[in-house]
Amino acid sequence: MKTTLSTFALSALLWSWAASAQADQPAPAPPAAQLMEGKLVDLVCYAMDMGGVKHAKCGALCAEKGQPVGFIDRKTAKLYTVLLPSPGLAKYLEQPVRLTGKVQKEALVSPEKLELKEGENWTAVALPKAM
């Protein structure tokens, strides 16, 4: 009984110490928005190695049905899942875009701004409303 009580007391002391140590830690800062250039893709088609300009119409149909849309960063070739409703992004698939957004958990991006390249200029487009 004494051993159990001592173990309990030691556990409570360690838990209390760990909790107070965590309380002293500042909360992690929210991610900063990043500006990236690349293109939007249909994730399902991309996963099956189907894509490109020739596949844009099929990808747009899939996105309109709600399949997830991804963003491929031109500089890093990294793929992100776009956290917006896919139907509102369908018409921009496989086109050069510039996305400003917050990257979360390494592979998710929450766009704050989306721009479409028209000639040499970038034109802001309306983002679909998140669910």
C-alpha atoms as a PDB file:
ATOM      1  CA  MET A   1       0.000   0.000   0.000  1.00  0.00           C
ATOM      2  CA  LYS A   2       2.856   2.374   0.865  1.00  0.00           C
ATOM      3  CA  THR A   3       4.521   1.662  -2.482  1.00  0.00           C
ATOM      4  CA  THR A   4       1.313   2.332  -4.381  1.00  0.00           C
ATOM      5  CA  LEU A   5       0.775   5.603  -2.495  1.00  0.00           C
ATOM      6  CA  SER A   6       4.383   6.671  -3.119  1.00  0.00           C
ATOM      7  CA  THR A   7       4.085   5.816  -6.811  1.00  0.00           C
ATOM      8  CA  PHE A   8       0.837   7.777  -7.017  1.00  0.00           C
ATOM      9  CA  ALA A   9       2.382  10.788  -5.260  1.00  0.00           C
ATOM     10  CA  LEU A  10       5.440  10.699  -7.524  1.00  0.00           C
ATOM     11  CA  SER A  11       3.236  10.421 -10.633  1.00  0.00           C
ATOM     12  CA  ALA A  12       1.104  13.347  -9.498  1.00  0.00           C
ATOM     13  CA  LEU A  13       4.217  15.433  -8.797  1.00  0.00           C
ATOM     14  CA  LEU A  14       5.701  14.667 -12.233  1.00  0.00           C
ATOM     15  CA  TRP A  15       2.398  15.368 -13.992  1.00  0.00           C
ATOM     16  CA  SER A  16       2.073  18.689 -12.140  1.00  0.00           C
ATOM     17  CA  TRP A  17       5.636  19.637 -13.083  1.00  0.00           C
ATOM     18  CA  ALA A  18       5.072  18.715 -16.767  1.00  0.00           C
ATOM     19  CA  ALA A  19       1.799  20.646 -16.898  1.00  0.00           C
ATOM     20  CA  SER A  20       3.391  23.779 -15.435  1.00  0.00           C
ATOM     21  CA  ALA A  21       6.336  23.481 -17.838  1.00  0.00           C
ATOM     22  CA  GLN A  22       3.917  23.338 -20.784  1.00  0.00           C
ATOM     23  CA  ALA A  23       1.958  26.306 -19.448  1.00  0.00           C
ATOM     24  CA  ASP A  24       5.139  28.383 -19.594  1.00  0.00           C
ATOM     25  CA  GLN A  25       5.568  27.599 -23.299  1.00  0.00           C
ATOM     26  CA  PRO A  26       4.096  30.194 -25.655  1.00  0.00           C
ATOM     27  CA  ALA A  27       1.433  28.945 -28.048  1.00  0.00           C
ATOM     28  CA  PRO A  28       2.817  28.213 -31.515  1.00  0.00           C
ATOM     29  CA  ALA A  29       2.360  31.087 -33.944  1.00  0.00           C
ATOM     30  CA  PRO A  30      -0.162  30.550 -36.716  1.00  0.00           C
ATOM     31  CA  PRO A  31       1.441  29.888 -40.087  1.00  0.00           C
ATOM     32  CA  ALA A  32       2.258  32.937 -42.201  1.00  0.00           C
ATOM     33  CA  ALA A  33       0.748  33.314 -45.659  1.00  0.00           C
ATOM     34  CA  GLN A  34       3.038  32.300 -48.513  1.00  0.00           C
ATOM     35  CA  LEU A  35       3.011  33.362 -52.150  1.00  0.00           C
ATOM     36  CA  MET A  36       3.478  30.433 -54.557  1.00  0.00           C
ATOM     37  CA  GLU A  37       3.223  30.058 -58.332  1.00  0.00           C
ATOM     38  CA  GLY A  38       2.096  26.868 -59.972  1.00  0.00           C
ATOM     39  CA  LYS A  39      -1.045  25.190 -61.206  1.00  0.00           C
ATOM     40  CA  LEU A  40      -4.212  23.609 -59.857  1.00  0.00           C
ATOM     41  CA  VAL A  41      -4.811  19.921 -60.581  1.00  0.00           C
ATOM     42  CA  ASP A  42      -7.485  17.333 -59.967  1.00  0.00           C
ATOM     43  CA  LEU A  43      -5.933  15.179 -57.222  1.00  0.00           C
ATOM     44  CA  VAL A  44      -7.526  11.909 -58.296  1.00  0.00           C
ATOM     45  CA  CYS A  45      -6.352  12.234 -61.898  1.00  0.00           C
ATOM     46  CA  TYR A  46      -2.948  13.453 -60.748  1.00  0.00           C
ATOM     47  CA  ALA A  47      -2.572  10.402 -58.507  1.00  0.00           C
ATOM     48  CA  MET A  48      -3.244   8.196 -61.548  1.00  0.00           C
ATOM     49  CA  ASP A  49      -0.583  10.110 -63.528  1.00  0.00           C
ATOM     50  CA  MET A  50      -3.169  11.778 -65.758  1.00  0.00           C
ATOM     51  CA  GLY A  51      -2.997  15.500 -66.156  1.00  0.00           C
ATOM     52  CA  GLY A  52      -1.725  18.348 -68.233  1.00  0.00           C
ATOM     53  CA  VAL A  53      -3.514  20.698 -70.578  1.00  0.00           C
ATOM     54  CA  LYS A  54      -4.984  17.817 -72.617  1.00  0.00           C
ATOM     55  CA  HIS A  55      -6.616  16.466 -69.467  1.00  0.00           C
ATOM     56  CA  ALA A  56      -7.874  19.826 -68.122  1.00  0.00           C
ATOM     57  CA  LYS A  57     -11.466  19.353 -69.308  1.00  0.00           C
ATOM     58  CA  CYS A  58     -11.765  15.936 -67.638  1.00  0.00           C
ATOM     59  CA  GLY A  59     -10.122  17.273 -64.465  1.00  0.00           C
ATOM     60  CA  ALA A  60     -12.537  20.208 -64.408  1.00  0.00           C
ATOM     61  CA  LEU A  61     -15.510  17.814 -64.655  1.00  0.00           C
ATOM     62  CA  CYS A  62     -14.134  15.809 -61.735  1.00  0.00           C
ATOM     63  CA  ALA A  63     -13.583  18.968 -59.663  1.00  0.00           C
ATOM     64  CA  GLU A  64     -17.119  20.155 -60.443  1.00  0.00           C
ATOM     65  CA  LYS A  65     -18.373  16.868 -58.979  1.00  0.00           C
ATOM     66  CA  GLY A  66     -16.472  17.619 -55.765  1.00  0.00           C
ATOM     67  CA  GLN A  67     -13.242  15.647 -56.183  1.00  0.00           C
ATOM     68  CA  PRO A  68     -10.439  17.431 -54.342  1.00  0.00           C
ATOM     69  CA  VAL A  69      -8.194  19.955 -56.062  1.00  0.00           C
ATOM     70  CA  GLY A  70      -4.471  20.186 -55.500  1.00  0.00           C
ATOM     71  CA  PHE A  71      -1.866  22.858 -56.104  1.00  0.00           C
ATOM     72  CA  ILE A  72       1.586  22.051 -57.492  1.00  0.00           C
ATOM     73  CA  ASP A  73       4.243  24.617 -56.609  1.00  0.00           C
ATOM     74  CA  ARG A  74       6.278  25.380 -59.727  1.00  0.00           C
ATOM     75  CA  LYS A  75       9.549  25.954 -57.826  1.00  0.00           C
ATOM     76  CA  THR A  76       9.485  22.949 -55.508  1.00  0.00           C
ATOM     77  CA  ALA A  77       7.131  20.584 -57.407  1.00  0.00           C
ATOM     78  CA  LYS A  78       5.450  19.983 -54.043  1.00  0.00           C
ATOM     79  CA  LEU A  79       1.789  18.993 -54.096  1.00  0.00           C
ATOM     80  CA  TYR A  80      -0.691  20.579 -51.671  1.00  0.00           C
ATOM     81  CA  THR A  81      -4.366  19.809 -51.109  1.00  0.00           C
ATOM     82  CA  VAL A  82      -6.385  23.011 -51.498  1.00  0.00           C
ATOM     83  CA  LEU A  83      -8.806  23.584 -48.625  1.00  0.00           C
ATOM     84  CA  LEU A  84     -11.632  25.130 -50.636  1.00  0.00           C
ATOM     85  CA  PRO A  85     -14.684  23.654 -52.384  1.00  0.00           C
ATOM     86  CA  SER A  86     -13.478  22.078 -55.629  1.00  0.00           C
ATOM     87  CA  PRO A  87     -16.392  23.115 -57.893  1.00  0.00           C
ATOM     88  CA  GLY A  88     -15.427  26.779 -57.541  1.00  0.00           C
ATOM     89  CA  LEU A  89     -11.854  26.049 -58.676  1.00  0.00           C
ATOM     90  CA  ALA A  90     -12.674  23.739 -61.614  1.00  0.00           C
ATOM     91  CA  LYS A  91     -12.333  26.366 -64.348  1.00  0.00           C
ATOM     92  CA  TYR A  92      -8.762  27.211 -63.258  1.00  0.00           C
ATOM     93  CA  LEU A  93      -7.304  23.685 -63.464  1.00  0.00           C
ATOM     94  CA  GLU A  94      -4.064  23.218 -65.418  1.00  0.00           C
ATOM     95  CA  GLN A  95      -3.626  26.990 -65.839  1.00  0.00           C
ATOM     96  CA  PRO A  96      -0.788  29.089 -64.407  1.00  0.00           C
ATOM     97  CA  VAL A  97      -1.952  30.492 -61.068  1.00  0.00           C
ATOM     98  CA  ARG A  98      -0.445  32.382 -58.183  1.00  0.00           C
ATOM     99  CA  LEU A  99      -1.746  31.400 -54.780  1.00  0.00           C
ATOM    100  CA  THR A 100      -1.330  33.249 -51.506  1.00  0.00           C
ATOM    101  CA  GLY A 101      -2.219  31.098 -48.537  1.00  0.00           C
ATOM    102  CA  LYS A 102      -1.256  29.426 -45.307  1.00  0.00           C
ATOM    103  CA  VAL A 103       0.374  26.004 -45.449  1.00  0.00           C
ATOM    104  CA  GLN A 104      -0.820  23.666 -42.719  1.00  0.00           C
ATOM    105  CA  LYS A 105       0.450  20.223 -41.751  1.00  0.00           C
ATOM    106  CA  GLU A 106       3.018  20.229 -44.595  1.00  0.00           C
ATOM    107  CA  ALA A 107       0.609  19.368 -47.407  1.00  0.00           C
ATOM    108  CA  LEU A 108      -2.548  21.458 -46.949  1.00  0.00           C
ATOM    109  CA  VAL A 109      -3.013  25.036 -48.121  1.00  0.00           C
ATOM    110  CA  SER A 110      -5.745  27.494 -47.154  1.00  0.00           C
ATOM    111  CA  PRO A 111      -5.839  30.084 -49.949  1.00  0.00           C
ATOM    112  CA  GLU A 112      -6.449  33.715 -49.120  1.00  0.00           C
ATOM    113  CA  LYS A 113      -5.952  34.933 -52.689  1.00  0.00           C
ATOM    114  CA  LEU A 114      -5.824  33.285 -56.111  1.00  0.00           C
ATOM    115  CA  GLU A 115      -4.557  34.973 -59.258  1.00  0.00           C
ATOM    116  CA  LEU A 116      -4.722  33.745 -62.837  1.00  0.00           C
ATOM    117  CA  LYS A 117      -1.962  34.584 -65.301  1.00  0.00           C
ATOM    118  CA  GLU A 118      -3.289  36.314 -68.400  1.00  0.00           C
ATOM    119  CA  GLY A 119      -0.416  37.116 -70.742  1.00  0.00           C
ATOM    120  CA  GLU A 120       2.171  38.811 -68.545  1.00  0.00           C
ATOM    121  CA  ASN A 121      -0.348  40.034 -65.954  1.00  0.00           C
ATOM    122  CA  TRP A 122      -1.856  38.412 -62.879  1.00  0.00           C
ATOM    123  CA  THR A 123      -5.590  38.889 -62.331  1.00  0.00           C
ATOM    124  CA  ALA A 124      -7.234  38.133 -58.985  1.00  0.00           C
ATOM    125  CA  VAL A 125     -10.164  35.725 -59.166  1.00  0.00           C
ATOM    126  CA  ALA A 126     -12.927  35.218 -56.630  1.00  0.00           C
ATOM    127  CA  LEU A 127     -12.314  32.332 -54.255  1.00  0.00           C
ATOM    128  CA  PRO A 128     -15.179  29.937 -53.618  1.00  0.00           C
ATOM    129  CA  LYS A 129     -16.579  30.224 -50.132  1.00  0.00           C
ATOM    130  CA  ALA A 130     -15.363  27.564 -47.712  1.00  0.00           C
ATOM    131  CA  MET A 131     -17.979  25.203 -46.335  1.00  0.00           C
END
